[in-house]
Amino acid sequence: MQILIIMGVVSVFIILYVGTMYLNDRVKVPESCKEAYLEAQTCESCSTSGGSKSCNFNDTLEFLKEVKL
């Protein structure tokens, strides 16, 4: 009986996670952030310089992926 409860709880967490990811993907990037988002998508300096800390586009991209207001 305990194994069924554990499997149910884990299943609920997995469904919540997948549902949250699906809903996040459907949200558009806000107009105020769109230019920075597009610039970060095409930035090549991070990959050629080994992820240098002087370039903030990589941080911006990660922030926009997480937040998606």
PDB file of N, CA and C in Angstrom:
ATOM      1  N   MET A   1       0.813  -1.198   0.000  1.00  0.00           N
ATOM      2  CA  MET A   1       0.000   0.000   0.000  1.00  0.00           C
ATOM      3  C   MET A   1       0.861   1.268   0.000  1.00  0.00           C
ATOM      4  N   GLN A   2       1.954   1.219   0.781  1.00  0.00           N
ATOM      5  CA  GLN A   2       2.830   2.379   0.854  1.00  0.00           C
ATOM      6  C   GLN A   2       3.475   2.680  -0.497  1.00  0.00           C
ATOM      7  N   ILE A   3       3.800   1.643  -1.242  1.00  0.00           N
ATOM      8  CA  ILE A   3       4.437   1.845  -2.540  1.00  0.00           C
ATOM      9  C   ILE A   3       3.485   2.553  -3.503  1.00  0.00           C
ATOM     10  N   LEU A   4       2.189   2.278  -3.413  1.00  0.00           N
ATOM     11  CA  LEU A   4       1.209   2.952  -4.268  1.00  0.00           C
ATOM     12  C   LEU A   4       1.097   4.432  -3.916  1.00  0.00           C
ATOM     13  N   ILE A   5       1.156   4.739  -2.643  1.00  0.00           N
ATOM     14  CA  ILE A   5       1.098   6.139  -2.215  1.00  0.00           C
ATOM     15  C   ILE A   5       2.338   6.880  -2.701  1.00  0.00           C
ATOM     16  N   ILE A   6       3.507   6.253  -2.561  1.00  0.00           N
ATOM     17  CA  ILE A   6       4.748   6.876  -3.029  1.00  0.00           C
ATOM     18  C   ILE A   6       4.711   7.078  -4.530  1.00  0.00           C
ATOM     19  N   MET A   7       4.256   6.081  -5.264  1.00  0.00           N
ATOM     20  CA  MET A   7       4.160   6.203  -6.726  1.00  0.00           C
ATOM     21  C   MET A   7       3.167   7.293  -7.112  1.00  0.00           C
ATOM     22  N   GLY A   8       2.082   7.432  -6.380  1.00  0.00           N
ATOM     23  CA  GLY A   8       1.105   8.484  -6.643  1.00  0.00           C
ATOM     24  C   GLY A   8       1.680   9.871  -6.412  1.00  0.00           C
ATOM     25  N   VAL A   9       2.408  10.035  -5.313  1.00  0.00           N
ATOM     26  CA  VAL A   9       3.017  11.330  -5.006  1.00  0.00           C
ATOM     27  C   VAL A   9       4.061  11.691  -6.067  1.00  0.00           C
ATOM     28  N   VAL A  10       4.900  10.739  -6.442  1.00  0.00           N
ATOM     29  CA  VAL A  10       5.914  10.988  -7.467  1.00  0.00           C
ATOM     30  C   VAL A  10       5.236  11.317  -8.798  1.00  0.00           C
ATOM     31  N   SER A  11       4.174  10.615  -9.130  1.00  0.00           N
ATOM     32  CA  SER A  11       3.450  10.886 -10.376  1.00  0.00           C
ATOM     33  C   SER A  11       2.868  12.297 -10.382  1.00  0.00           C
ATOM     34  N   VAL A  12       2.337  12.725  -9.262  1.00  0.00           N
ATOM     35  CA  VAL A  12       1.780  14.082  -9.173  1.00  0.00           C
ATOM     36  C   VAL A  12       2.877  15.114  -9.388  1.00  0.00           C
ATOM     37  N   PHE A  13       4.047  14.913  -8.774  1.00  0.00           N
ATOM     38  CA  PHE A  13       5.158  15.850  -8.966  1.00  0.00           C
ATOM     39  C   PHE A  13       5.616  15.882 -10.421  1.00  0.00           C
ATOM     40  N   ILE A  14       5.675  14.738 -11.054  1.00  0.00           N
ATOM     41  CA  ILE A  14       6.090  14.686 -12.460  1.00  0.00           C
ATOM     42  C   ILE A  14       5.074  15.402 -13.338  1.00  0.00           C
ATOM     43  N   ILE A  15       3.793  15.184 -13.101  1.00  0.00           N
ATOM     44  CA  ILE A  15       2.739  15.836 -13.884  1.00  0.00           C
ATOM     45  C   ILE A  15       2.783  17.351 -13.667  1.00  0.00           C
ATOM     46  N   LEU A  16       2.978  17.785 -12.429  1.00  0.00           N
ATOM     47  CA  LEU A  16       3.098  19.225 -12.161  1.00  0.00           C
ATOM     48  C   LEU A  16       4.302  19.830 -12.872  1.00  0.00           C
ATOM     49  N   TYR A  17       5.418  19.124 -12.864  1.00  0.00           N
ATOM     50  CA  TYR A  17       6.625  19.612 -13.519  1.00  0.00           C
ATOM     51  C   TYR A  17       6.416  19.738 -15.031  1.00  0.00           C
ATOM     52  N   VAL A  18       5.901  18.704 -15.652  1.00  0.00           N
ATOM     53  CA  VAL A  18       5.667  18.724 -17.099  1.00  0.00           C
ATOM     54  C   VAL A  18       4.636  19.796 -17.451  1.00  0.00           C
ATOM     55  N   GLY A  19       3.591  19.920 -16.667  1.00  0.00           N
ATOM     56  CA  GLY A  19       2.582  20.945 -16.914  1.00  0.00           C
ATOM     57  C   GLY A  19       3.145  22.348 -16.798  1.00  0.00           C
ATOM     58  N   THR A  20       3.987  22.567 -15.798  1.00  0.00           N
ATOM     59  CA  THR A  20       4.612  23.874 -15.626  1.00  0.00           C
ATOM     60  C   THR A  20       5.533  24.193 -16.798  1.00  0.00           C
ATOM     61  N   MET A  21       6.317  23.240 -17.239  1.00  0.00           N
ATOM     62  CA  MET A  21       7.216  23.460 -18.378  1.00  0.00           C
ATOM     63  C   MET A  21       6.406  23.756 -19.643  1.00  0.00           C
ATOM     64  N   TYR A  22       5.305  23.056 -19.840  1.00  0.00           N
ATOM     65  CA  TYR A  22       4.458  23.285 -21.010  1.00  0.00           C
ATOM     66  C   TYR A  22       3.871  24.702 -20.992  1.00  0.00           C
ATOM     67  N   LEU A  23       3.360  25.108 -19.849  1.00  0.00           N
ATOM     68  CA  LEU A  23       2.784  26.450 -19.743  1.00  0.00           C
ATOM     69  C   LEU A  23       3.845  27.532 -19.885  1.00  0.00           C
ATOM     70  N   ASN A  24       5.048  27.318 -19.369  1.00  0.00           N
ATOM     71  CA  ASN A  24       6.132  28.280 -19.516  1.00  0.00           C
ATOM     72  C   ASN A  24       6.526  28.454 -20.978  1.00  0.00           C
ATOM     73  N   ASP A  25       6.530  27.384 -21.736  1.00  0.00           N
ATOM     74  CA  ASP A  25       6.895  27.470 -23.150  1.00  0.00           C
ATOM     75  C   ASP A  25       5.865  28.245 -23.965  1.00  0.00           C
ATOM     76  N   ARG A  26       4.647  28.293 -23.511  1.00  0.00           N
ATOM     77  CA  ARG A  26       3.592  28.997 -24.246  1.00  0.00           C
ATOM     78  C   ARG A  26       3.589  30.502 -23.999  1.00  0.00           C
ATOM     79  N   VAL A  27       4.297  30.956 -22.959  1.00  0.00           N
ATOM     80  CA  VAL A  27       4.332  32.377 -22.613  1.00  0.00           C
ATOM     81  C   VAL A  27       5.324  33.084 -23.529  1.00  0.00           C
ATOM     82  N   LYS A  28       4.898  34.217 -24.099  1.00  0.00           N
ATOM     83  CA  LYS A  28       5.763  34.980 -24.990  1.00  0.00           C
ATOM     84  C   LYS A  28       6.707  35.868 -24.190  1.00  0.00           C
ATOM     85  N   VAL A  29       7.842  36.196 -24.822  1.00  0.00           N
ATOM     86  CA  VAL A  29       8.803  37.115 -24.212  1.00  0.00           C
ATOM     87  C   VAL A  29       8.177  38.509 -24.230  1.00  0.00           C
ATOM     88  N   PRO A  30       8.232  39.253 -23.112  1.00  0.00           N
ATOM     89  CA  PRO A  30       7.656  40.596 -23.075  1.00  0.00           C
ATOM     90  C   PRO A  30       8.323  41.522 -24.096  1.00  0.00           C
ATOM     91  N   GLU A  31       7.553  42.461 -24.610  1.00  0.00           N
ATOM     92  CA  GLU A  31       8.070  43.392 -25.619  1.00  0.00           C
ATOM     93  C   GLU A  31       9.273  44.165 -25.103  1.00  0.00           C
ATOM     94  N   SER A  32       9.282  44.523 -23.824  1.00  0.00           N
ATOM     95  CA  SER A  32      10.397  45.293 -23.270  1.00  0.00           C
ATOM     96  C   SER A  32      11.689  44.483 -23.223  1.00  0.00           C
ATOM     97  N   CYS A  33      11.600  43.155 -23.275  1.00  0.00           N
ATOM     98  CA  CYS A  33      12.784  42.297 -23.209  1.00  0.00           C
ATOM     99  C   CYS A  33      13.103  41.629 -24.542  1.00  0.00           C
ATOM    100  N   LYS A  34      12.251  41.813 -25.537  1.00  0.00           N
ATOM    101  CA  LYS A  34      12.402  41.072 -26.781  1.00  0.00           C
ATOM    102  C   LYS A  34      13.727  41.355 -27.484  1.00  0.00           C
ATOM    103  N   GLU A  35      14.156  42.623 -27.524  1.00  0.00           N
ATOM    104  CA  GLU A  35      15.405  42.957 -28.205  1.00  0.00           C
ATOM    105  C   GLU A  35      16.598  42.282 -27.525  1.00  0.00           C
ATOM    106  N   ALA A  36      16.650  42.338 -26.203  1.00  0.00           N
ATOM    107  CA  ALA A  36      17.744  41.701 -25.468  1.00  0.00           C
ATOM    108  C   ALA A  36      17.702  40.187 -25.643  1.00  0.00           C
ATOM    109  N   TYR A  37      16.516  39.617 -25.666  1.00  0.00           N
ATOM    110  CA  TYR A  37      16.371  38.176 -25.842  1.00  0.00           C
ATOM    111  C   TYR A  37      16.877  37.743 -27.211  1.00  0.00           C
ATOM    112  N   LEU A  38      16.491  38.464 -28.263  1.00  0.00           N
ATOM    113  CA  LEU A  38      16.935  38.121 -29.613  1.00  0.00           C
ATOM    114  C   LEU A  38      18.443  38.307 -29.761  1.00  0.00           C
ATOM    115  N   GLU A  39      18.980  39.351 -29.151  1.00  0.00           N
ATOM    116  CA  GLU A  39      20.417  39.577 -29.212  1.00  0.00           C
ATOM    117  C   GLU A  39      21.170  38.467 -28.482  1.00  0.00           C
ATOM    118  N   ALA A  40      20.640  38.018 -27.376  1.00  0.00           N
ATOM    119  CA  ALA A  40      21.276  36.945 -26.623  1.00  0.00           C
ATOM    120  C   ALA A  40      21.203  35.625 -27.379  1.00  0.00           C
ATOM    121  N   GLN A  41      20.158  35.422 -28.171  1.00  0.00           N
ATOM    122  CA  GLN A  41      20.019  34.195 -28.953  1.00  0.00           C
ATOM    123  C   GLN A  41      21.097  34.082 -30.025  1.00  0.00           C
ATOM    124  N   THR A  42      21.516  35.216 -30.588  1.00  0.00           N
ATOM    125  CA  THR A  42      22.475  35.195 -31.687  1.00  0.00           C
ATOM    126  C   THR A  42      23.885  35.537 -31.244  1.00  0.00           C
ATOM    127  N   CYS A  43      24.125  35.706 -29.953  1.00  0.00           N
ATOM    128  CA  CYS A  43      25.445  36.075 -29.436  1.00  0.00           C
ATOM    129  C   CYS A  43      26.410  34.909 -29.630  1.00  0.00           C
ATOM    130  N   GLU A  44      27.542  35.170 -30.263  1.00  0.00           N
ATOM    131  CA  GLU A  44      28.558  34.135 -30.455  1.00  0.00           C
ATOM    132  C   GLU A  44      29.787  34.380 -29.597  1.00  0.00           C
ATOM    133  N   SER A  45      29.877  35.523 -28.946  1.00  0.00           N
ATOM    134  CA  SER A  45      31.085  35.836 -28.183  1.00  0.00           C
ATOM    135  C   SER A  45      31.255  34.919 -26.973  1.00  0.00           C
ATOM    136  N   CYS A  46      30.157  34.446 -26.379  1.00  0.00           N
ATOM    137  CA  CYS A  46      30.275  33.574 -25.208  1.00  0.00           C
ATOM    138  C   CYS A  46      30.880  32.233 -25.595  1.00  0.00           C
ATOM    139  N   SER A  47      30.496  31.692 -26.735  1.00  0.00           N
ATOM    140  CA  SER A  47      31.006  30.383 -27.132  1.00  0.00           C
ATOM    141  C   SER A  47      32.436  30.473 -27.648  1.00  0.00           C
ATOM    142  N   THR A  48      32.822  31.606 -28.244  1.00  0.00           N
ATOM    143  CA  THR A  48      34.181  31.719 -28.770  1.00  0.00           C
ATOM    144  C   THR A  48      35.185  32.128 -27.705  1.00  0.00           C
ATOM    145  N   SER A  49      34.730  32.814 -26.674  1.00  0.00           N
ATOM    146  CA  SER A  49      35.673  33.239 -25.634  1.00  0.00           C
ATOM    147  C   SER A  49      35.619  32.321 -24.419  1.00  0.00           C
ATOM    148  N   GLY A  50      34.952  31.199 -24.527  1.00  0.00           N
ATOM    149  CA  GLY A  50      34.899  30.252 -23.420  1.00  0.00           C
ATOM    150  C   GLY A  50      33.987  30.688 -22.296  1.00  0.00           C
ATOM    151  N   GLY A  51      32.950  31.469 -22.602  1.00  0.00           N
ATOM    152  CA  GLY A  51      32.008  31.894 -21.572  1.00  0.00           C
ATOM    153  C   GLY A  51      32.561  32.983 -20.686  1.00  0.00           C
ATOM    154  N   SER A  52      33.194  33.941 -21.292  1.00  0.00           N
ATOM    155  CA  SER A  52      33.816  35.022 -20.531  1.00  0.00           C
ATOM    156  C   SER A  52      32.789  35.748 -19.675  1.00  0.00           C
ATOM    157  N   LYS A  53      33.225  36.221 -18.520  1.00  0.00           N
ATOM    158  CA  LYS A  53      32.327  36.907 -17.590  1.00  0.00           C
ATOM    159  C   LYS A  53      32.020  38.339 -18.032  1.00  0.00           C
ATOM    160  N   SER A  54      32.775  38.861 -19.023  1.00  0.00           N
ATOM    161  CA  SER A  54      32.536  40.234 -19.457  1.00  0.00           C
ATOM    162  C   SER A  54      31.275  40.343 -20.315  1.00  0.00           C
ATOM    163  N   CYS A  55      30.813  39.231 -20.853  1.00  0.00           N
ATOM    164  CA  CYS A  55      29.615  39.231 -21.692  1.00  0.00           C
ATOM    165  C   CYS A  55      28.405  38.892 -20.829  1.00  0.00           C
ATOM    166  N   ASN A  56      27.433  39.790 -20.774  1.00  0.00           N
ATOM    167  CA  ASN A  56      26.252  39.571 -19.946  1.00  0.00           C
ATOM    168  C   ASN A  56      25.104  38.938 -20.716  1.00  0.00           C
ATOM    169  N   PHE A  57      25.264  38.712 -22.014  1.00  0.00           N
ATOM    170  CA  PHE A  57      24.170  38.146 -22.793  1.00  0.00           C
ATOM    171  C   PHE A  57      23.821  36.732 -22.351  1.00  0.00           C
ATOM    172  N   ASN A  58      24.812  35.947 -21.982  1.00  0.00           N
ATOM    173  CA  ASN A  58      24.535  34.585 -21.531  1.00  0.00           C
ATOM    174  C   ASN A  58      23.712  34.611 -20.248  1.00  0.00           C
ATOM    175  N   ASP A  59      24.055  35.516 -19.324  1.00  0.00           N
ATOM    176  CA  ASP A  59      23.289  35.657 -18.082  1.00  0.00           C
ATOM    177  C   ASP A  59      21.866  36.130 -18.376  1.00  0.00           C
ATOM    178  N   THR A  60      21.741  37.063 -19.321  1.00  0.00           N
ATOM    179  CA  THR A  60      20.421  37.569 -19.700  1.00  0.00           C
ATOM    180  C   THR A  60      19.568  36.462 -20.280  1.00  0.00           C
ATOM    181  N   LEU A  61      20.161  35.645 -21.143  1.00  0.00           N
ATOM    182  CA  LEU A  61      19.428  34.546 -21.755  1.00  0.00           C
ATOM    183  C   LEU A  61      18.943  33.561 -20.699  1.00  0.00           C
ATOM    184  N   GLU A  62      19.808  33.191 -19.773  1.00  0.00           N
ATOM    185  CA  GLU A  62      19.409  32.270 -18.712  1.00  0.00           C
ATOM    186  C   GLU A  62      18.310  32.872 -17.844  1.00  0.00           C
ATOM    187  N   PHE A  63      18.418  34.165 -17.548  1.00  0.00           N
ATOM    188  CA  PHE A  63      17.399  34.838 -16.751  1.00  0.00           C
ATOM    189  C   PHE A  63      16.059  34.827 -17.476  1.00  0.00           C
ATOM    190  N   LEU A  64      16.060  35.127 -18.776  1.00  0.00           N
ATOM    191  CA  LEU A  64      14.819  35.167 -19.538  1.00  0.00           C
ATOM    192  C   LEU A  64      14.200  33.772 -19.680  1.00  0.00           C
ATOM    193  N   LYS A  65      15.028  32.741 -19.747  1.00  0.00           N
ATOM    194  CA  LYS A  65      14.500  31.385 -19.832  1.00  0.00           C
ATOM    195  C   LYS A  65      13.790  31.016 -18.528  1.00  0.00           C
ATOM    196  N   GLU A  66      14.357  31.453 -17.402  1.00  0.00           N
ATOM    197  CA  GLU A  66      13.788  31.110 -16.104  1.00  0.00           C
ATOM    198  C   GLU A  66      12.562  31.934 -15.765  1.00  0.00           C
ATOM    199  N   VAL A  67      12.588  33.227 -16.083  1.00  0.00           N
ATOM    200  CA  VAL A  67      11.543  34.130 -15.631  1.00  0.00           C
ATOM    201  C   VAL A  67      10.341  34.114 -16.552  1.00  0.00           C
ATOM    202  N   LYS A  68      10.520  34.388 -17.824  1.00  0.00           N
ATOM    203  CA  LYS A  68       9.436  34.435 -18.824  1.00  0.00           C
ATOM    204  C   LYS A  68       8.191  35.104 -18.276  1.00  0.00           C
ATOM    205  N   LEU A  69       8.272  36.381 -18.012  1.00  0.00           N
ATOM    206  CA  LEU A  69       7.151  37.133 -17.440  1.00  0.00           C
ATOM    207  C   LEU A  69       5.957  37.151 -18.350  1.00  0.00           C
TER     208      LEU A  69
END
